[in-house]
Amino acid sequence: MAKKRRPQKSTGTAQRTGGEIPVVGAREPCPCGSGRRYKACHGREGAKAAAELVRRPFEGLRGECDWVALRELVPAATVELRLRDGLPAGVPSLTLATVLPMAWPALRRDDGSVLIALQNDTPTGDLSRDLAEVLLRALEGKPGEPVTPASGASDGPRLQDLLDPEAPFEPRVHPGFEFWLDDAQAATGPVAASLERANEAAVPTARLAGVEAAYWCEVPGRNHLRWVMPHEEDTLLDALARLHSAGTSGLGEGTRLVGSFRAHGLTVPVWDLPSSMGAEECEKPAASFGERLSEALAQTSPLTAEERRARSGLTNRQVTLN
């Protein structure tokens, strides 16, 4: 395990030095010098409580479940985005990223390409509108500069208004944060060291290929599968309870459905897996579970007493992330 590092003093402002982008990892101390991780500090400063929270900010977007997963579960991933009206001149590409250096909400590279960060806090309760505001500002920004956070305006477009609804949403999970830099192999000095620290802190994660929005991750001593599901919560919990009561809610020997959490209006069941079970070994069991779940979702009879107890156990272990 890496030794804890003493936070360095900082002005709290991201600066460009010699054309390089200063890099800070997802779990590194915030550059402001507070000693807290940047996700709990830099991106949260100045955030205001929203008068009304949009419960499902990604509803209506293609790949809603993956949007939620990239926002809450995945350390390092990117997705190529496409606008309804196409990219403006001078913008060769638009990429959604889980996080960016220094907790920047967006970045326009020297070549004009745009990266938008998904995991930053935003000033209102409508994450979709705040991200759309940052996206529009990034498209108009100067190449080579980061983009300032959303202002919290309540009358602008949402992602649903800007993104092409027919474009595929295909997350690419990365082992590290090399996508932050134009040429990570050429990074030297403090930039290379910071990138290395960020990569060491990233939890190994993989997206299953055979089912939608299911993500395997490796943690010390065991692995997990976290699967973002689109079904209405009560219906899904009833179905999971039926399977749990019947002893068919697992993904094979040594696995266990341990509960679920809510995230952006969707439910995310979580399984404990043995440390020997990698992402590839999850593929067939997950596909089989998906078939069993479909059958359970179709059942409309009242839950039995045993199934109600199973449901109670699942809901007692449920956590709401937002």
Protein backbone atom coordinates (compact mmCIF):
# COMPACT_ATOMS: atom_id res chain seq x y z
CA MET A 1 0.00 0.00 0.00
CA ALA A 2 1.37 3.38 -0.92
CA LYS A 3 2.38 5.67 1.91
CA LYS A 4 0.20 8.65 2.62
CA ARG A 5 1.64 11.84 1.21
CA ARG A 6 1.66 15.17 2.98
CA PRO A 7 -0.49 17.62 0.99
CA GLN A 8 1.47 20.34 -0.77
CA LYS A 9 0.63 23.98 -0.46
CA SER A 10 -1.24 25.37 -3.41
CA THR A 11 -2.93 28.54 -4.53
CA GLY A 12 -6.04 26.46 -5.22
CA THR A 13 -5.95 27.48 -8.91
CA ALA A 14 -5.03 25.12 -11.72
CA GLN A 15 -2.13 26.53 -13.75
CA ARG A 16 -0.54 25.46 -17.02
CA THR A 17 3.25 25.27 -16.97
CA GLY A 18 5.18 24.90 -20.19
CA GLY A 19 2.10 23.67 -21.98
CA GLU A 20 1.66 20.72 -19.59
CA ILE A 21 -1.59 19.91 -17.80
CA PRO A 22 -1.08 19.51 -14.05
CA VAL A 23 -2.48 16.12 -13.14
CA VAL A 24 -4.20 15.10 -9.91
CA GLY A 25 -5.62 11.65 -9.33
CA ALA A 26 -9.16 10.73 -8.43
CA ARG A 27 -8.18 10.07 -4.83
CA GLU A 28 -5.20 12.38 -4.40
CA PRO A 29 -5.19 15.31 -1.97
CA CYS A 30 -6.98 18.34 -3.36
CA PRO A 31 -4.55 20.84 -4.95
CA CYS A 32 -5.97 23.59 -2.72
CA GLY A 33 -3.96 22.18 0.17
CA SER A 34 -6.89 21.22 2.40
CA GLY A 35 -5.64 17.67 2.81
CA ARG A 36 -8.96 16.21 1.67
CA ARG A 37 -9.38 14.19 -1.51
CA TYR A 38 -10.35 16.39 -4.43
CA LYS A 39 -13.74 14.64 -4.90
CA ALA A 40 -14.67 15.72 -1.39
CA CYS A 41 -13.21 19.19 -1.70
CA HIS A 42 -12.21 20.91 -4.95
CA GLY A 43 -15.27 19.90 -6.94
CA ARG A 44 -17.64 20.59 -4.07
CA GLU A 45 -16.59 24.08 -3.08
CA GLY A 46 -19.27 26.59 -3.82
CA ALA A 47 -21.87 23.97 -4.69
CA LYS A 48 -25.34 25.07 -3.65
CA ALA A 49 -28.23 22.91 -2.59
CA ALA A 50 -30.85 22.71 -5.28
CA ALA A 51 -34.41 23.77 -4.61
CA GLU A 52 -35.63 20.71 -6.48
CA LEU A 53 -33.63 17.61 -7.32
CA VAL A 54 -34.15 15.96 -10.70
CA ARG A 55 -34.42 12.35 -9.60
CA ARG A 56 -33.43 10.81 -12.95
CA PRO A 57 -31.23 13.40 -14.69
CA PHE A 58 -30.20 10.97 -17.45
CA GLU A 59 -33.70 9.70 -18.23
CA GLY A 60 -34.31 9.79 -21.96
CA LEU A 61 -30.64 9.58 -22.86
CA ARG A 62 -29.40 6.52 -24.64
CA GLY A 63 -27.51 4.34 -22.17
CA GLU A 64 -29.08 5.87 -19.06
CA CYS A 65 -27.85 2.98 -16.90
CA ASP A 66 -24.28 3.44 -18.12
CA TRP A 67 -24.48 7.19 -17.49
CA VAL A 68 -25.31 6.37 -13.87
CA ALA A 69 -22.51 3.80 -13.65
CA LEU A 70 -19.91 6.21 -15.02
CA ARG A 71 -21.11 8.90 -12.63
CA GLU A 72 -21.03 6.70 -9.50
CA LEU A 73 -19.04 3.49 -10.01
CA VAL A 74 -16.28 3.67 -12.58
CA PRO A 75 -12.93 5.37 -11.87
CA ALA A 76 -11.62 5.84 -15.41
CA ALA A 77 -13.74 5.67 -18.55
CA THR A 78 -14.60 7.66 -21.65
CA VAL A 79 -17.43 7.74 -24.19
CA GLU A 80 -17.49 9.47 -27.55
CA LEU A 81 -20.52 11.77 -27.78
CA ARG A 82 -22.36 13.10 -30.79
CA LEU A 83 -24.46 16.27 -30.95
CA ARG A 84 -27.84 16.57 -32.64
CA ASP A 85 -26.52 19.30 -34.96
CA GLY A 86 -23.01 17.95 -35.31
CA LEU A 87 -19.79 19.36 -33.89
CA PRO A 88 -18.94 23.01 -34.62
CA ALA A 89 -15.95 23.92 -36.76
CA GLY A 90 -12.67 23.51 -34.94
CA VAL A 91 -13.93 20.77 -32.60
CA PRO A 92 -12.74 17.41 -33.97
CA SER A 93 -14.24 15.32 -31.16
CA LEU A 94 -16.40 15.44 -28.03
CA THR A 95 -15.66 12.96 -25.25
CA LEU A 96 -17.38 12.28 -21.95
CA ALA A 97 -14.89 11.35 -19.20
CA THR A 98 -15.47 10.14 -15.66
CA VAL A 99 -13.03 12.67 -14.18
CA LEU A 100 -10.48 15.19 -15.44
CA PRO A 101 -7.28 16.63 -13.92
CA MET A 102 -7.69 19.13 -11.10
CA ALA A 103 -11.42 18.34 -10.99
CA TRP A 104 -11.95 20.48 -14.08
CA PRO A 105 -15.53 20.20 -15.34
CA ALA A 106 -14.32 20.28 -18.93
CA LEU A 107 -11.20 20.78 -20.97
CA ARG A 108 -10.54 21.90 -24.53
CA ARG A 109 -7.29 20.47 -25.80
CA ASP A 110 -4.79 22.32 -27.96
CA ASP A 111 -6.20 20.57 -31.05
CA GLY A 112 -9.72 21.82 -30.21
CA SER A 113 -11.13 18.48 -29.00
CA VAL A 114 -13.40 18.69 -25.94
CA LEU A 115 -13.57 16.49 -22.83
CA ILE A 116 -16.47 16.79 -20.37
CA ALA A 117 -16.17 15.41 -16.81
CA LEU A 118 -19.14 13.55 -15.36
CA GLN A 119 -18.15 13.05 -11.71
CA ASN A 120 -17.89 16.69 -10.61
CA ASP A 121 -20.47 18.20 -8.30
CA THR A 122 -22.81 20.68 -9.96
CA PRO A 123 -24.55 23.79 -8.57
CA THR A 124 -28.19 22.77 -9.09
CA GLY A 125 -30.34 19.70 -8.71
CA ASP A 126 -30.48 19.13 -12.46
CA LEU A 127 -27.24 17.39 -13.33
CA SER A 128 -28.22 17.15 -16.98
CA ARG A 129 -28.73 20.92 -17.34
CA ASP A 130 -25.51 21.74 -15.51
CA LEU A 131 -23.49 19.36 -17.69
CA ALA A 132 -25.10 20.81 -20.80
CA GLU A 133 -24.07 24.32 -19.76
CA VAL A 134 -20.47 23.21 -19.28
CA LEU A 135 -20.56 21.39 -22.62
CA LEU A 136 -21.69 24.50 -24.49
CA ARG A 137 -19.08 26.63 -22.77
CA ALA A 138 -16.39 24.10 -23.66
CA LEU A 139 -17.38 24.12 -27.33
CA GLU A 140 -16.84 27.89 -27.37
CA GLY A 141 -13.73 27.90 -25.18
CA LYS A 142 -10.15 28.57 -26.16
CA PRO A 143 -8.06 25.54 -27.13
CA GLY A 144 -5.60 24.48 -24.47
CA GLU A 145 -7.60 25.74 -21.50
CA PRO A 146 -9.84 24.17 -18.85
CA VAL A 147 -13.47 25.27 -18.56
CA THR A 148 -15.04 26.92 -15.52
CA PRO A 149 -17.85 25.17 -13.62
CA ALA A 150 -21.52 25.62 -14.44
CA SER A 151 -23.15 28.83 -13.19
CA GLY A 152 -26.37 27.18 -12.08
CA ALA A 153 -28.60 28.86 -14.66
CA SER A 154 -32.06 27.28 -14.72
CA ASP A 155 -33.17 28.19 -18.22
CA GLY A 156 -30.60 26.53 -20.45
CA PRO A 157 -30.83 23.32 -22.49
CA ARG A 158 -30.28 19.85 -21.03
CA LEU A 159 -28.14 17.02 -22.35
CA GLN A 160 -31.31 15.51 -23.79
CA ASP A 161 -31.67 18.62 -25.97
CA LEU A 162 -28.08 18.61 -27.22
CA LEU A 163 -27.05 14.99 -27.74
CA ASP A 164 -28.00 12.90 -30.75
CA PRO A 165 -30.59 10.38 -29.47
CA GLU A 166 -29.63 7.90 -32.19
CA ALA A 167 -25.90 7.90 -31.43
CA PRO A 168 -24.58 4.80 -29.63
CA PHE A 169 -23.38 5.18 -26.05
CA GLU A 170 -20.42 2.84 -25.71
CA PRO A 171 -18.29 3.29 -22.58
CA ARG A 172 -14.64 2.44 -22.79
CA VAL A 173 -13.22 1.54 -19.38
CA HIS A 174 -9.55 2.38 -18.94
CA PRO A 175 -7.04 0.84 -16.51
CA GLY A 176 -5.77 4.34 -15.70
CA PHE A 177 -5.99 8.03 -16.51
CA GLU A 178 -3.64 8.26 -19.50
CA PHE A 179 -6.55 9.69 -21.51
CA TRP A 180 -6.04 12.93 -19.57
CA LEU A 181 -2.95 13.71 -21.64
CA ASP A 182 -2.36 14.00 -25.38
CA ASP A 183 0.74 11.83 -25.03
CA ALA A 184 0.96 10.12 -21.65
CA GLN A 185 4.07 8.19 -22.73
CA ALA A 186 5.94 11.46 -23.06
CA ALA A 187 4.99 12.73 -19.60
CA THR A 188 7.94 13.40 -17.31
CA GLY A 189 8.69 14.80 -13.89
CA PRO A 190 5.83 15.78 -11.56
CA VAL A 191 3.19 15.15 -14.24
CA ALA A 192 4.35 11.58 -14.77
CA ALA A 193 4.60 10.98 -11.01
CA SER A 194 1.13 12.35 -10.36
CA LEU A 195 -0.34 10.28 -13.17
CA GLU A 196 1.31 7.17 -11.73
CA ARG A 197 -0.18 7.88 -8.30
CA ALA A 198 -3.63 8.38 -9.80
CA ASN A 199 -3.39 5.09 -11.67
CA GLU A 200 -2.32 3.25 -8.52
CA ALA A 201 -5.40 4.55 -6.69
CA ALA A 202 -7.87 3.49 -9.39
CA VAL A 203 -9.90 0.40 -8.51
CA PRO A 204 -9.55 -2.18 -11.32
CA THR A 205 -12.91 -2.16 -13.13
CA ALA A 206 -14.36 -3.83 -16.21
CA ARG A 207 -17.69 -3.58 -18.02
CA LEU A 208 -19.32 -6.90 -18.86
CA ALA A 209 -19.89 -7.44 -22.57
CA GLY A 210 -22.93 -9.75 -22.43
CA VAL A 211 -25.32 -7.63 -20.34
CA GLU A 212 -26.03 -3.92 -20.09
CA ALA A 213 -24.43 -1.64 -17.48
CA ALA A 214 -22.90 -4.37 -15.28
CA TYR A 215 -19.46 -3.52 -13.88
CA TRP A 216 -17.02 -5.88 -12.20
CA CYS A 217 -14.45 -4.42 -9.84
CA GLU A 218 -11.57 -5.78 -7.79
CA VAL A 219 -11.14 -4.80 -4.16
CA PRO A 220 -8.78 -6.28 -1.55
CA GLY A 221 -9.89 -9.75 -0.51
CA ARG A 222 -12.92 -10.00 -2.81
CA ASN A 223 -14.50 -8.72 -5.98
CA HIS A 224 -17.88 -7.16 -6.68
CA LEU A 225 -20.36 -6.96 -9.51
CA ARG A 226 -22.51 -3.82 -9.53
CA TRP A 227 -25.29 -3.80 -12.09
CA VAL A 228 -27.31 -0.66 -12.84
CA MET A 229 -30.84 -1.71 -13.80
CA PRO A 230 -33.59 0.32 -15.53
CA HIS A 231 -36.60 -1.38 -13.91
CA GLU A 232 -39.00 0.39 -11.57
CA GLU A 233 -37.63 -0.02 -8.05
CA ASP A 234 -40.50 -1.84 -6.34
CA THR A 235 -40.92 -4.23 -9.25
CA LEU A 236 -37.20 -4.97 -9.31
CA LEU A 237 -37.00 -5.52 -5.55
CA ASP A 238 -39.96 -7.92 -5.70
CA ALA A 239 -38.24 -9.86 -8.46
CA LEU A 240 -34.92 -9.95 -6.59
CA ALA A 241 -36.77 -11.12 -3.46
CA ARG A 242 -38.39 -13.97 -5.39
CA LEU A 243 -34.99 -15.11 -6.65
CA HIS A 244 -33.30 -14.61 -3.28
CA SER A 245 -35.97 -16.66 -1.52
CA ALA A 246 -35.58 -19.43 -4.08
CA GLY A 247 -31.81 -19.47 -3.64
CA THR A 248 -31.19 -18.36 -7.25
CA SER A 249 -30.08 -14.75 -6.74
CA GLY A 250 -26.37 -15.55 -6.83
CA LEU A 251 -23.96 -15.72 -9.74
CA GLY A 252 -22.49 -19.11 -8.95
CA GLU A 253 -20.60 -20.81 -6.17
CA GLY A 254 -19.11 -18.44 -3.62
CA THR A 255 -21.17 -15.46 -4.83
CA ARG A 256 -23.89 -13.63 -2.96
CA LEU A 257 -26.38 -10.85 -3.64
CA VAL A 258 -25.60 -8.56 -0.71
CA GLY A 259 -28.01 -5.69 -1.36
CA SER A 260 -28.42 -2.68 -3.60
CA PHE A 261 -28.21 1.07 -3.69
CA ARG A 262 -30.11 3.85 -5.40
CA ALA A 263 -28.35 6.22 -7.75
CA HIS A 264 -29.99 8.91 -9.88
CA GLY A 265 -33.38 7.23 -9.71
CA LEU A 266 -32.16 3.74 -10.60
CA THR A 267 -31.47 0.66 -8.50
CA VAL A 268 -28.05 -1.01 -8.49
CA PRO A 269 -27.89 -4.59 -7.12
CA VAL A 270 -24.49 -5.60 -5.76
CA TRP A 271 -22.93 -9.07 -5.55
CA ASP A 272 -19.94 -10.22 -3.53
CA LEU A 273 -17.66 -12.43 -5.61
CA PRO A 274 -14.67 -14.57 -4.68
CA SER A 275 -11.33 -12.94 -5.41
CA SER A 276 -10.66 -15.65 -8.00
CA MET A 277 -13.69 -14.61 -10.09
CA GLY A 278 -12.69 -12.12 -12.75
CA ALA A 279 -14.82 -10.16 -15.17
CA GLU A 280 -14.70 -12.86 -17.85
CA GLU A 281 -15.89 -15.47 -15.37
CA CYS A 282 -18.90 -13.25 -14.62
CA GLU A 283 -20.17 -13.17 -18.19
CA LYS A 284 -22.11 -16.45 -18.37
CA PRO A 285 -23.46 -16.33 -14.79
CA ALA A 286 -24.64 -12.74 -15.34
CA ALA A 287 -26.38 -13.67 -18.59
CA SER A 288 -28.10 -16.59 -16.85
CA PHE A 289 -29.14 -14.36 -13.98
CA GLY A 290 -30.58 -11.88 -16.47
CA GLU A 291 -32.84 -14.61 -17.85
CA ARG A 292 -33.99 -15.60 -14.35
CA LEU A 293 -34.63 -11.98 -13.50
CA SER A 294 -36.75 -11.46 -16.62
CA GLU A 295 -38.95 -14.36 -15.57
CA ALA A 296 -39.24 -13.02 -12.02
CA LEU A 297 -40.08 -9.53 -13.27
CA ALA A 298 -42.97 -10.99 -15.27
CA GLN A 299 -44.58 -12.53 -12.18
CA THR A 300 -47.50 -10.56 -10.73
CA SER A 301 -48.65 -12.78 -7.86
CA PRO A 302 -48.28 -11.41 -4.31
CA LEU A 303 -45.03 -12.21 -2.53
CA THR A 304 -45.10 -15.16 -0.16
CA ALA A 305 -44.17 -14.68 3.49
CA GLU A 306 -40.67 -16.00 2.78
CA GLU A 307 -40.30 -13.70 -0.21
CA ARG A 308 -41.43 -10.72 1.86
CA ARG A 309 -38.75 -11.53 4.43
CA ALA A 310 -36.18 -11.72 1.65
CA ARG A 311 -37.35 -8.37 0.31
CA SER A 312 -37.13 -6.81 3.75
CA GLY A 313 -33.57 -8.03 4.08
CA LEU A 314 -32.65 -6.51 0.72
CA THR A 315 -34.25 -3.15 1.45
CA ASN A 316 -32.66 -2.97 4.90
CA ARG A 317 -29.28 -3.12 3.17
CA GLN A 318 -30.16 -0.51 0.55
CA VAL A 319 -28.24 2.76 0.43
CA THR A 320 -29.14 5.95 -1.43
CA LEU A 321 -26.18 7.72 -3.03
CA ASN A 322 -28.02 10.84 -4.16
